[in-house]
Amino acid sequence: MRSPFQELVRLDRKQLVATLASQNFVVASMDSEEWLGLVQLLTTRIIDECVGLTAAEWRSSSRALGYVLESASAAGALGPGETAVRRLNLTAALFQKVSPNEEIDLLSADQTAELLFREIPIAPEQARALASRWTELDIEEIRQLRFIKNLLTPALMMKDALDDARLDTWEQIYPLLP
């Protein structure tokens, strides 16, 4: 008998997305490593097959991704903020293959910018001041700066698509971050 994770891995993108988007799949037996594997599997399949998806397929993919990220976070597979970093990285990868589309949350430049700036925990001025002396900081402050850099890395890859002037300030701070 296969585990729920093994069953999910065998599905193609359409079947996987449909199963996860329904949120009816019983996954109580999945551990955090399996949830993390499922996050990686789903994002890879979405990226690999994103060209030519219909609006309905995008909506299902978005629902499936939201469910998987939420479940992985609840299972302890993703720490605080990792969900946002993964969403930003996915959108950056998708923008390499398809155009932004405000009607699809995974492709929405506005929603992506909102997510980015909602997750950045400190003001640019404070980040610049801390980053200029990051080697003197305690580990929690260094982690906070590194988290900001992890958020900014994909955001700067899609800077033109996001078209948000706030990114100009962060782009100047980016090289200073650990």
C-alpha atoms as a PDB file:
ATOM      1  CA  MET A   1       0.000   0.000   0.000  1.00  0.00           C
ATOM      2  CA  ARG A   2       1.336   3.430  -0.947  1.00  0.00           C
ATOM      3  CA  SER A   3       1.485   6.384   1.397  1.00  0.00           C
ATOM      4  CA  PRO A   4      -0.470   9.570   0.545  1.00  0.00           C
ATOM      5  CA  PHE A   5       2.808  11.204  -0.497  1.00  0.00           C
ATOM      6  CA  GLN A   6       3.679   8.317  -2.817  1.00  0.00           C
ATOM      7  CA  GLU A   7       0.234   8.555  -4.383  1.00  0.00           C
ATOM      8  CA  LEU A   8       0.630  12.291  -4.987  1.00  0.00           C
ATOM      9  CA  VAL A   9       4.096  11.936  -6.506  1.00  0.00           C
ATOM     10  CA  ARG A  10       2.709   9.580  -9.151  1.00  0.00           C
ATOM     11  CA  LEU A  11       0.188  12.139 -10.418  1.00  0.00           C
ATOM     12  CA  ASP A  12       0.836  14.376 -13.410  1.00  0.00           C
ATOM     13  CA  ARG A  13       0.525  18.158 -13.000  1.00  0.00           C
ATOM     14  CA  LYS A  14      -3.167  18.316 -13.872  1.00  0.00           C
ATOM     15  CA  GLN A  15      -4.093  15.488 -11.500  1.00  0.00           C
ATOM     16  CA  LEU A  16      -1.843  16.822  -8.742  1.00  0.00           C
ATOM     17  CA  VAL A  17      -3.247  20.333  -9.004  1.00  0.00           C
ATOM     18  CA  ALA A  18      -6.852  19.082  -9.102  1.00  0.00           C
ATOM     19  CA  THR A  19      -6.301  16.855  -6.073  1.00  0.00           C
ATOM     20  CA  LEU A  20      -4.609  19.571  -4.024  1.00  0.00           C
ATOM     21  CA  ALA A  21      -6.881  22.412  -5.152  1.00  0.00           C
ATOM     22  CA  SER A  22      -9.907  20.463  -3.902  1.00  0.00           C
ATOM     23  CA  GLN A  23      -8.330  20.462  -0.424  1.00  0.00           C
ATOM     24  CA  ASN A  24     -10.195  17.222   0.247  1.00  0.00           C
ATOM     25  CA  PHE A  25      -7.113  15.055   0.219  1.00  0.00           C
ATOM     26  CA  VAL A  26      -6.531  13.462   3.632  1.00  0.00           C
ATOM     27  CA  VAL A  27      -2.936  14.111   4.561  1.00  0.00           C
ATOM     28  CA  ALA A  28      -2.809  13.703   8.321  1.00  0.00           C
ATOM     29  CA  SER A  29      -0.189  11.000   7.928  1.00  0.00           C
ATOM     30  CA  MET A  30       2.256  13.152   5.953  1.00  0.00           C
ATOM     31  CA  ASP A  31       5.300  14.401   7.836  1.00  0.00           C
ATOM     32  CA  SER A  32       7.121  17.704   7.373  1.00  0.00           C
ATOM     33  CA  GLU A  33       9.683  16.265   4.939  1.00  0.00           C
ATOM     34  CA  GLU A  34       6.901  14.930   2.723  1.00  0.00           C
ATOM     35  CA  TRP A  35       5.148  18.302   2.801  1.00  0.00           C
ATOM     36  CA  LEU A  36       8.373  20.020   1.796  1.00  0.00           C
ATOM     37  CA  GLY A  37       8.797  17.502  -1.005  1.00  0.00           C
ATOM     38  CA  LEU A  38       5.244  18.199  -2.125  1.00  0.00           C
ATOM     39  CA  VAL A  39       5.903  21.960  -2.181  1.00  0.00           C
ATOM     40  CA  GLN A  40       8.952  21.380  -4.359  1.00  0.00           C
ATOM     41  CA  LEU A  41       7.148  18.905  -6.611  1.00  0.00           C
ATOM     42  CA  LEU A  42       4.172  21.195  -7.184  1.00  0.00           C
ATOM     43  CA  THR A  43       6.247  24.315  -7.855  1.00  0.00           C
ATOM     44  CA  THR A  44       8.478  22.420 -10.276  1.00  0.00           C
ATOM     45  CA  ARG A  45       5.507  21.019 -12.164  1.00  0.00           C
ATOM     46  CA  ILE A  46       3.846  24.437 -12.364  1.00  0.00           C
ATOM     47  CA  ILE A  47       7.041  26.038 -13.693  1.00  0.00           C
ATOM     48  CA  ASP A  48       7.724  23.241 -16.167  1.00  0.00           C
ATOM     49  CA  GLU A  49       4.222  23.309 -17.643  1.00  0.00           C
ATOM     50  CA  CYS A  50       3.168  26.948 -17.190  1.00  0.00           C
ATOM     51  CA  VAL A  51       3.226  27.974 -20.839  1.00  0.00           C
ATOM     52  CA  GLY A  52      -0.257  27.702 -22.283  1.00  0.00           C
ATOM     53  CA  LEU A  53      -2.183  27.146 -19.048  1.00  0.00           C
ATOM     54  CA  THR A  54      -5.763  28.391 -19.169  1.00  0.00           C
ATOM     55  CA  ALA A  55      -7.136  30.898 -16.672  1.00  0.00           C
ATOM     56  CA  ALA A  56      -8.980  28.050 -14.927  1.00  0.00           C
ATOM     57  CA  GLU A  57      -5.767  26.008 -14.694  1.00  0.00           C
ATOM     58  CA  TRP A  58      -3.963  29.016 -13.202  1.00  0.00           C
ATOM     59  CA  ARG A  59      -6.711  29.472 -10.612  1.00  0.00           C
ATOM     60  CA  SER A  60      -6.520  25.785  -9.671  1.00  0.00           C
ATOM     61  CA  SER A  61      -2.735  25.941  -9.513  1.00  0.00           C
ATOM     62  CA  SER A  62      -2.942  28.973  -7.240  1.00  0.00           C
ATOM     63  CA  ARG A  63      -5.412  27.231  -4.918  1.00  0.00           C
ATOM     64  CA  ALA A  64      -3.281  24.093  -4.854  1.00  0.00           C
ATOM     65  CA  LEU A  65      -0.141  26.064  -4.082  1.00  0.00           C
ATOM     66  CA  GLY A  66      -1.847  28.019  -1.303  1.00  0.00           C
ATOM     67  CA  TYR A  67      -3.084  24.792   0.255  1.00  0.00           C
ATOM     68  CA  VAL A  68       0.300  23.079   0.033  1.00  0.00           C
ATOM     69  CA  LEU A  69       2.217  26.066   1.439  1.00  0.00           C
ATOM     70  CA  GLU A  70      -0.259  26.483   4.303  1.00  0.00           C
ATOM     71  CA  SER A  71      -0.184  22.768   5.093  1.00  0.00           C
ATOM     72  CA  ALA A  72       3.616  22.589   4.875  1.00  0.00           C
ATOM     73  CA  SER A  73       3.889  25.542   7.215  1.00  0.00           C
ATOM     74  CA  ALA A  74       1.419  23.968   9.671  1.00  0.00           C
ATOM     75  CA  ALA A  75       3.433  20.732   9.567  1.00  0.00           C
ATOM     76  CA  GLY A  76       6.623  22.625  10.444  1.00  0.00           C
ATOM     77  CA  ALA A  77       8.240  22.114   7.035  1.00  0.00           C
ATOM     78  CA  LEU A  78       8.415  25.859   6.365  1.00  0.00           C
ATOM     79  CA  GLY A  79       9.464  28.412   8.917  1.00  0.00           C
ATOM     80  CA  PRO A  80       8.088  31.904   9.349  1.00  0.00           C
ATOM     81  CA  GLY A  81       8.455  33.856   6.127  1.00  0.00           C
ATOM     82  CA  GLU A  82       9.522  30.882   4.006  1.00  0.00           C
ATOM     83  CA  THR A  83       6.099  30.713   2.396  1.00  0.00           C
ATOM     84  CA  ALA A  84       6.539  34.257   1.072  1.00  0.00           C
ATOM     85  CA  VAL A  85      10.070  33.549  -0.166  1.00  0.00           C
ATOM     86  CA  ARG A  86       8.846  30.463  -2.025  1.00  0.00           C
ATOM     87  CA  ARG A  87       5.928  32.349  -3.590  1.00  0.00           C
ATOM     88  CA  LEU A  88       8.259  35.140  -4.717  1.00  0.00           C
ATOM     89  CA  ASN A  89      10.741  32.656  -6.169  1.00  0.00           C
ATOM     90  CA  LEU A  90       7.953  30.835  -7.995  1.00  0.00           C
ATOM     91  CA  THR A  91       6.575  34.044  -9.485  1.00  0.00           C
ATOM     92  CA  ALA A  92      10.064  35.125 -10.554  1.00  0.00           C
ATOM     93  CA  ALA A  93      10.560  31.778 -12.298  1.00  0.00           C
ATOM     94  CA  LEU A  94       7.141  32.024 -13.944  1.00  0.00           C
ATOM     95  CA  PHE A  95       7.869  35.546 -15.205  1.00  0.00           C
ATOM     96  CA  GLN A  96      10.802  34.053 -17.106  1.00  0.00           C
ATOM     97  CA  LYS A  97       8.291  32.023 -19.138  1.00  0.00           C
ATOM     98  CA  VAL A  98       4.957  33.877 -19.084  1.00  0.00           C
ATOM     99  CA  SER A  99       3.815  37.470 -18.823  1.00  0.00           C
ATOM    100  CA  PRO A 100       2.395  39.035 -15.680  1.00  0.00           C
ATOM    101  CA  ASN A 101      -1.385  38.887 -15.444  1.00  0.00           C
ATOM    102  CA  GLU A 102      -3.299  40.769 -12.754  1.00  0.00           C
ATOM    103  CA  GLU A 103      -6.219  38.339 -12.995  1.00  0.00           C
ATOM    104  CA  ILE A 104      -4.053  35.416 -11.815  1.00  0.00           C
ATOM    105  CA  ASP A 105      -2.650  35.721  -8.306  1.00  0.00           C
ATOM    106  CA  LEU A 106       0.563  33.791  -9.070  1.00  0.00           C
ATOM    107  CA  LEU A 107       1.197  36.148 -11.993  1.00  0.00           C
ATOM    108  CA  SER A 108      -0.033  39.370 -10.440  1.00  0.00           C
ATOM    109  CA  ALA A 109       2.713  41.977 -10.222  1.00  0.00           C
ATOM    110  CA  ASP A 110       0.596  44.043  -7.818  1.00  0.00           C
ATOM    111  CA  GLN A 111      -0.057  41.120  -5.458  1.00  0.00           C
ATOM    112  CA  THR A 112       3.589  40.094  -5.659  1.00  0.00           C
ATOM    113  CA  ALA A 113       4.768  43.586  -4.702  1.00  0.00           C
ATOM    114  CA  GLU A 114       2.215  43.701  -1.873  1.00  0.00           C
ATOM    115  CA  LEU A 115       3.477  40.357  -0.554  1.00  0.00           C
ATOM    116  CA  LEU A 116       7.084  41.510  -0.716  1.00  0.00           C
ATOM    117  CA  PHE A 117       6.569  44.765   1.150  1.00  0.00           C
ATOM    118  CA  ARG A 118       4.201  43.208   3.691  1.00  0.00           C
ATOM    119  CA  GLU A 119       6.860  40.619   4.596  1.00  0.00           C
ATOM    120  CA  ILE A 120       9.873  42.945   4.877  1.00  0.00           C
ATOM    121  CA  PRO A 121      10.048  43.386   8.647  1.00  0.00           C
ATOM    122  CA  ILE A 122      11.898  46.711   8.900  1.00  0.00           C
ATOM    123  CA  ALA A 123      12.156  50.051   7.120  1.00  0.00           C
ATOM    124  CA  PRO A 124      14.821  50.557   4.452  1.00  0.00           C
ATOM    125  CA  GLU A 125      16.692  53.101   6.590  1.00  0.00           C
ATOM    126  CA  GLN A 126      16.944  50.665   9.486  1.00  0.00           C
ATOM    127  CA  ALA A 127      18.039  47.865   7.149  1.00  0.00           C
ATOM    128  CA  ARG A 128      20.742  50.080   5.653  1.00  0.00           C
ATOM    129  CA  ALA A 129      22.038  51.043   9.104  1.00  0.00           C
ATOM    130  CA  LEU A 130      22.100  47.448  10.305  1.00  0.00           C
ATOM    131  CA  ALA A 131      23.582  46.090   7.083  1.00  0.00           C
ATOM    132  CA  SER A 132      26.480  48.523   7.197  1.00  0.00           C
ATOM    133  CA  ARG A 133      27.671  46.802  10.386  1.00  0.00           C
ATOM    134  CA  TRP A 134      26.137  43.362  10.072  1.00  0.00           C
ATOM    135  CA  THR A 135      29.284  41.553  11.268  1.00  0.00           C
ATOM    136  CA  GLU A 136      28.807  43.185  14.677  1.00  0.00           C
ATOM    137  CA  LEU A 137      25.156  42.172  15.058  1.00  0.00           C
ATOM    138  CA  ASP A 138      23.668  39.304  17.039  1.00  0.00           C
ATOM    139  CA  ILE A 139      22.524  36.244  15.127  1.00  0.00           C
ATOM    140  CA  GLU A 140      18.817  37.170  15.157  1.00  0.00           C
ATOM    141  CA  GLU A 141      19.503  40.537  13.525  1.00  0.00           C
ATOM    142  CA  ILE A 142      21.728  38.847  10.938  1.00  0.00           C
ATOM    143  CA  ARG A 143      18.950  36.339  10.218  1.00  0.00           C
ATOM    144  CA  GLN A 144      16.480  39.185   9.798  1.00  0.00           C
ATOM    145  CA  LEU A 145      18.767  40.868   7.260  1.00  0.00           C
ATOM    146  CA  ARG A 146      19.295  37.563   5.461  1.00  0.00           C
ATOM    147  CA  PHE A 147      15.540  37.030   5.321  1.00  0.00           C
ATOM    148  CA  ILE A 148      15.167  40.443   3.689  1.00  0.00           C
ATOM    149  CA  LYS A 149      17.807  39.490   1.141  1.00  0.00           C
ATOM    150  CA  ASN A 150      15.985  36.215   0.451  1.00  0.00           C
ATOM    151  CA  LEU A 151      12.803  38.214  -0.226  1.00  0.00           C
ATOM    152  CA  LEU A 152      14.588  40.745  -2.397  1.00  0.00           C
ATOM    153  CA  THR A 153      16.511  38.284  -4.569  1.00  0.00           C
ATOM    154  CA  PRO A 154      13.500  37.110  -6.603  1.00  0.00           C
ATOM    155  CA  ALA A 155      11.840  40.530  -6.393  1.00  0.00           C
ATOM    156  CA  LEU A 156      14.810  42.221  -8.014  1.00  0.00           C
ATOM    157  CA  MET A 157      14.797  39.567 -10.753  1.00  0.00           C
ATOM    158  CA  MET A 158      11.308  40.770 -11.677  1.00  0.00           C
ATOM    159  CA  LYS A 159      11.819  44.459 -10.870  1.00  0.00           C
ATOM    160  CA  ASP A 160      10.651  45.661 -14.269  1.00  0.00           C
ATOM    161  CA  ALA A 161       7.450  43.639 -14.054  1.00  0.00           C
ATOM    162  CA  LEU A 162       6.727  44.783 -10.500  1.00  0.00           C
ATOM    163  CA  ASP A 163       7.239  48.429 -11.463  1.00  0.00           C
ATOM    164  CA  ASP A 164       7.282  49.662  -7.862  1.00  0.00           C
ATOM    165  CA  ALA A 165       9.468  52.638  -6.967  1.00  0.00           C
ATOM    166  CA  ARG A 166      10.059  51.256  -3.462  1.00  0.00           C
ATOM    167  CA  LEU A 167      12.259  48.583  -5.012  1.00  0.00           C
ATOM    168  CA  ASP A 168      14.759  51.255  -6.093  1.00  0.00           C
ATOM    169  CA  THR A 169      15.634  51.953  -2.458  1.00  0.00           C
ATOM    170  CA  TRP A 170      15.891  48.266  -1.601  1.00  0.00           C
ATOM    171  CA  GLU A 171      18.015  47.607  -4.670  1.00  0.00           C
ATOM    172  CA  GLN A 172      20.614  50.021  -3.286  1.00  0.00           C
ATOM    173  CA  ILE A 173      20.591  48.247   0.089  1.00  0.00           C
ATOM    174  CA  TYR A 174      20.672  44.736  -1.379  1.00  0.00           C
ATOM    175  CA  PRO A 175      24.473  44.515  -1.895  1.00  0.00           C
ATOM    176  CA  LEU A 176      25.015  45.480   1.743  1.00  0.00           C
ATOM    177  CA  LEU A 177      22.894  42.630   3.103  1.00  0.00           C
ATOM    178  CA  PRO A 178      24.612  39.470   4.404  1.00  0.00           C
END
